[in-house]
N, C-alpha and C. Protein backbone atom coordinates (compact mmCIF):
# COMPACT_ATOMS: atom_id res chain seq x y z
N UNK A 1 52.16 19.43 6.36
CA UNK A 1 51.87 18.34 7.26
C UNK A 1 50.52 17.75 6.87
N UNK A 2 50.50 16.47 6.57
CA UNK A 2 49.26 15.80 6.18
C UNK A 2 48.82 14.85 7.29
N UNK A 3 47.67 15.14 7.87
CA UNK A 3 47.11 14.27 8.91
C UNK A 3 45.82 13.68 8.37
N UNK A 4 45.69 12.37 8.46
CA UNK A 4 44.51 11.67 7.98
C UNK A 4 43.26 12.16 8.72
N UNK A 5 42.11 12.16 8.03
CA UNK A 5 40.87 12.63 8.62
C UNK A 5 40.46 11.80 9.84
N UNK A 6 40.67 10.50 9.77
CA UNK A 6 40.33 9.64 10.90
C UNK A 6 41.20 9.96 12.10
N UNK A 7 42.47 10.18 11.87
CA UNK A 7 43.38 10.54 12.96
C UNK A 7 42.96 11.88 13.58
N UNK A 8 42.55 12.81 12.74
CA UNK A 8 42.08 14.10 13.24
C UNK A 8 40.87 13.93 14.15
N UNK A 9 39.95 13.04 13.75
CA UNK A 9 38.76 12.79 14.57
C UNK A 9 39.15 12.19 15.92
N UNK A 10 40.07 11.24 15.92
CA UNK A 10 40.50 10.64 17.19
C UNK A 10 41.25 11.63 18.07
N UNK A 11 42.04 12.50 17.46
CA UNK A 11 42.73 13.54 18.25
C UNK A 11 41.70 14.47 18.87
N UNK A 12 40.68 14.84 18.09
CA UNK A 12 39.61 15.69 18.63
C UNK A 12 38.88 15.02 19.78
N UNK A 13 38.60 13.72 19.63
CA UNK A 13 37.94 12.97 20.70
C UNK A 13 38.81 12.94 21.94
N UNK A 14 40.11 12.71 21.76
CA UNK A 14 41.02 12.67 22.91
C UNK A 14 41.05 14.02 23.63
N UNK A 15 41.07 15.11 22.87
CA UNK A 15 41.07 16.45 23.48
C UNK A 15 39.79 16.68 24.27
N UNK A 16 38.66 16.28 23.68
CA UNK A 16 37.38 16.45 24.39
C UNK A 16 37.33 15.62 25.66
N UNK A 17 37.88 14.41 25.62
CA UNK A 17 37.89 13.57 26.82
C UNK A 17 38.84 14.12 27.88
N UNK A 18 40.02 14.55 27.46
CA UNK A 18 41.00 15.07 28.42
C UNK A 18 40.57 16.39 29.04
N UNK A 19 39.84 17.19 28.28
CA UNK A 19 39.40 18.49 28.80
C UNK A 19 38.15 18.37 29.68
N UNK A 20 37.51 17.21 29.65
CA UNK A 20 36.32 17.01 30.47
C UNK A 20 35.03 17.43 29.78
N UNK A 21 35.12 17.85 28.52
CA UNK A 21 33.91 18.22 27.79
C UNK A 21 33.04 17.00 27.52
N UNK A 22 33.67 15.83 27.39
CA UNK A 22 32.97 14.56 27.24
C UNK A 22 33.47 13.59 28.30
N UNK A 23 32.60 12.67 28.66
CA UNK A 23 33.00 11.58 29.56
C UNK A 23 32.93 10.27 28.78
N UNK A 24 33.50 9.21 29.34
CA UNK A 24 33.42 7.91 28.67
C UNK A 24 31.98 7.45 28.55
N UNK A 25 31.15 7.78 29.52
CA UNK A 25 29.73 7.41 29.43
C UNK A 25 29.08 8.07 28.22
N UNK A 26 29.44 9.34 27.96
CA UNK A 26 28.91 10.02 26.77
C UNK A 26 29.34 9.31 25.50
N UNK A 27 30.59 8.90 25.46
CA UNK A 27 31.13 8.24 24.27
C UNK A 27 30.48 6.88 24.07
N UNK A 28 30.33 6.12 25.14
CA UNK A 28 29.78 4.76 25.04
C UNK A 28 28.32 4.77 24.63
N UNK A 29 27.56 5.77 25.04
CA UNK A 29 26.13 5.79 24.71
C UNK A 29 25.86 6.12 23.25
N UNK A 30 26.85 6.59 22.52
CA UNK A 30 26.68 6.92 21.10
C UNK A 30 27.09 5.74 20.22
N UNK A 31 26.43 4.61 20.40
CA UNK A 31 26.80 3.39 19.67
C UNK A 31 26.63 3.52 18.16
N UNK A 32 25.52 4.11 17.72
CA UNK A 32 25.28 4.23 16.28
C UNK A 32 26.31 5.12 15.61
N UNK A 33 26.73 6.16 16.30
CA UNK A 33 27.77 7.04 15.74
C UNK A 33 29.08 6.27 15.57
N UNK A 34 29.41 5.41 16.53
CA UNK A 34 30.63 4.61 16.42
C UNK A 34 30.52 3.61 15.28
N UNK A 35 29.34 3.01 15.12
CA UNK A 35 29.14 2.08 14.00
C UNK A 35 29.35 2.80 12.67
N UNK A 36 28.78 4.00 12.55
CA UNK A 36 28.94 4.78 11.33
C UNK A 36 30.40 5.13 11.09
N UNK A 37 31.08 5.54 12.13
CA UNK A 37 32.49 5.92 11.99
C UNK A 37 33.34 4.72 11.56
N UNK A 38 33.07 3.56 12.11
CA UNK A 38 33.83 2.37 11.75
C UNK A 38 33.57 2.00 10.29
N UNK A 39 32.29 2.05 9.85
CA UNK A 39 31.97 1.74 8.46
C UNK A 39 32.65 2.71 7.51
N UNK A 40 32.60 4.00 7.83
CA UNK A 40 33.26 4.98 6.97
C UNK A 40 34.77 4.76 6.93
N UNK A 41 35.36 4.42 8.06
CA UNK A 41 36.80 4.16 8.09
C UNK A 41 37.15 2.98 7.20
N UNK A 42 36.35 1.92 7.27
CA UNK A 42 36.59 0.75 6.43
C UNK A 42 36.44 1.09 4.96
N UNK A 43 35.36 1.80 4.61
CA UNK A 43 35.12 2.15 3.22
C UNK A 43 36.20 3.07 2.66
N UNK A 44 36.61 4.06 3.44
CA UNK A 44 37.65 4.97 2.98
C UNK A 44 38.99 4.26 2.83
N UNK A 45 39.29 3.35 3.74
CA UNK A 45 40.53 2.58 3.63
C UNK A 45 40.50 1.70 2.38
N UNK A 46 39.37 1.04 2.15
CA UNK A 46 39.23 0.19 0.97
C UNK A 46 39.36 1.01 -0.31
N UNK A 47 38.69 2.16 -0.36
CA UNK A 47 38.77 3.01 -1.54
C UNK A 47 40.19 3.52 -1.77
N UNK A 48 40.85 3.88 -0.70
CA UNK A 48 42.23 4.35 -0.82
C UNK A 48 43.16 3.28 -1.35
N UNK A 49 43.00 2.06 -0.87
CA UNK A 49 43.85 0.96 -1.33
C UNK A 49 43.55 0.59 -2.78
N UNK A 50 42.26 0.59 -3.15
CA UNK A 50 41.91 0.30 -4.54
C UNK A 50 42.50 1.35 -5.47
N UNK A 51 42.46 2.60 -5.04
CA UNK A 51 43.05 3.68 -5.84
C UNK A 51 44.57 3.54 -5.92
N UNK A 52 45.19 3.20 -4.80
CA UNK A 52 46.65 3.04 -4.75
C UNK A 52 47.11 1.90 -5.66
N UNK A 53 46.33 0.84 -5.74
CA UNK A 53 46.67 -0.30 -6.58
C UNK A 53 46.36 -0.07 -8.05
N UNK A 54 45.66 1.03 -8.37
CA UNK A 54 45.34 1.34 -9.75
C UNK A 54 44.05 0.73 -10.24
N UNK A 55 43.28 0.12 -9.34
CA UNK A 55 42.02 -0.51 -9.75
C UNK A 55 41.02 0.51 -10.26
N UNK A 56 40.93 1.66 -9.61
CA UNK A 56 39.95 2.67 -10.00
C UNK A 56 40.24 3.17 -11.41
N UNK A 57 41.50 3.43 -11.71
CA UNK A 57 41.89 3.88 -13.05
C UNK A 57 41.60 2.81 -14.08
N UNK A 58 41.95 1.57 -13.77
CA UNK A 58 41.71 0.46 -14.69
C UNK A 58 40.22 0.29 -14.96
N UNK A 59 39.42 0.29 -13.91
CA UNK A 59 37.98 0.09 -14.06
C UNK A 59 37.34 1.25 -14.81
N UNK A 60 37.77 2.48 -14.51
CA UNK A 60 37.25 3.65 -15.21
C UNK A 60 37.56 3.60 -16.69
N UNK A 61 38.78 3.18 -17.03
CA UNK A 61 39.17 3.04 -18.43
C UNK A 61 38.35 1.96 -19.12
N UNK A 62 38.11 0.86 -18.43
CA UNK A 62 37.31 -0.23 -18.98
C UNK A 62 35.88 0.23 -19.27
N UNK A 63 35.27 0.91 -18.32
CA UNK A 63 33.90 1.39 -18.50
C UNK A 63 33.85 2.47 -19.57
N UNK A 64 34.82 3.38 -19.57
CA UNK A 64 34.84 4.46 -20.56
C UNK A 64 34.92 3.89 -21.98
N UNK A 65 35.70 2.84 -22.15
CA UNK A 65 35.80 2.22 -23.46
C UNK A 65 34.50 1.56 -23.88
N UNK A 66 33.73 1.07 -22.91
CA UNK A 66 32.47 0.40 -23.22
C UNK A 66 31.36 1.37 -23.59
N UNK A 67 31.37 2.55 -23.00
CA UNK A 67 30.26 3.49 -23.23
C UNK A 67 30.64 4.64 -24.16
N UNK A 68 31.87 4.66 -24.64
CA UNK A 68 32.32 5.73 -25.52
C UNK A 68 31.51 5.71 -26.81
N UNK A 69 31.01 6.87 -27.19
CA UNK A 69 30.24 7.00 -28.42
C UNK A 69 28.77 6.69 -28.26
N UNK A 70 28.35 6.26 -27.08
CA UNK A 70 26.93 5.99 -26.87
C UNK A 70 26.17 7.29 -26.67
N UNK A 71 24.91 7.27 -27.05
CA UNK A 71 24.05 8.42 -26.81
C UNK A 71 23.79 8.51 -25.32
N UNK A 72 23.98 9.68 -24.72
CA UNK A 72 23.90 9.81 -23.27
C UNK A 72 22.47 9.75 -22.75
N UNK A 73 21.46 10.10 -23.56
CA UNK A 73 20.08 10.13 -23.07
C UNK A 73 19.57 8.73 -22.71
N UNK A 74 19.71 7.72 -23.57
CA UNK A 74 19.28 6.38 -23.16
C UNK A 74 20.07 5.86 -21.95
N UNK A 75 21.35 6.19 -21.89
CA UNK A 75 22.17 5.75 -20.76
C UNK A 75 21.67 6.39 -19.47
N UNK A 76 21.33 7.68 -19.51
CA UNK A 76 20.81 8.35 -18.33
C UNK A 76 19.46 7.75 -17.93
N UNK A 77 18.63 7.44 -18.92
CA UNK A 77 17.34 6.81 -18.64
C UNK A 77 17.52 5.45 -17.98
N UNK A 78 18.47 4.67 -18.48
CA UNK A 78 18.75 3.37 -17.88
C UNK A 78 19.23 3.51 -16.44
N UNK A 79 20.14 4.46 -16.20
CA UNK A 79 20.66 4.67 -14.84
C UNK A 79 19.55 5.10 -13.89
N UNK A 80 18.66 5.99 -14.34
CA UNK A 80 17.53 6.41 -13.50
C UNK A 80 16.60 5.24 -13.22
N UNK A 81 16.28 4.47 -14.25
CA UNK A 81 15.40 3.31 -14.08
C UNK A 81 16.01 2.31 -13.11
N UNK A 82 17.31 2.06 -13.25
CA UNK A 82 17.97 1.09 -12.38
C UNK A 82 18.02 1.58 -10.93
N UNK A 83 18.22 2.87 -10.75
CA UNK A 83 18.23 3.44 -9.40
C UNK A 83 16.86 3.31 -8.76
N UNK A 84 15.82 3.62 -9.51
CA UNK A 84 14.46 3.54 -8.97
C UNK A 84 14.11 2.10 -8.62
N UNK A 85 14.44 1.15 -9.48
CA UNK A 85 14.11 -0.25 -9.18
C UNK A 85 14.95 -0.79 -8.02
N UNK A 86 16.14 -0.26 -7.82
CA UNK A 86 16.96 -0.70 -6.68
C UNK A 86 16.38 -0.18 -5.37
N UNK A 87 15.80 1.02 -5.40
CA UNK A 87 15.22 1.61 -4.19
C UNK A 87 13.93 0.90 -3.82
N UNK A 88 13.15 0.56 -4.81
CA UNK A 88 11.85 -0.09 -4.56
C UNK A 88 12.06 -1.50 -4.23
């Protein structure tokens, strides 16, 4: 039996609400948690659909062909430099 992680979370929430461990006021006051959950749900759905359509495999093959045979040390240096400049 395969149950999606999001569905499992909602089932858990329903059980907590029905058992009285949580109230609607408790749920409503956690706005940031709901925002995070919605963003993760959207991102996971998007990633799943991209994978289902074969985009991830296609893109990985495209990138692998571009970097095949390259020395890994300069590539790692570039990735570190790009990460640092993106953070700053």
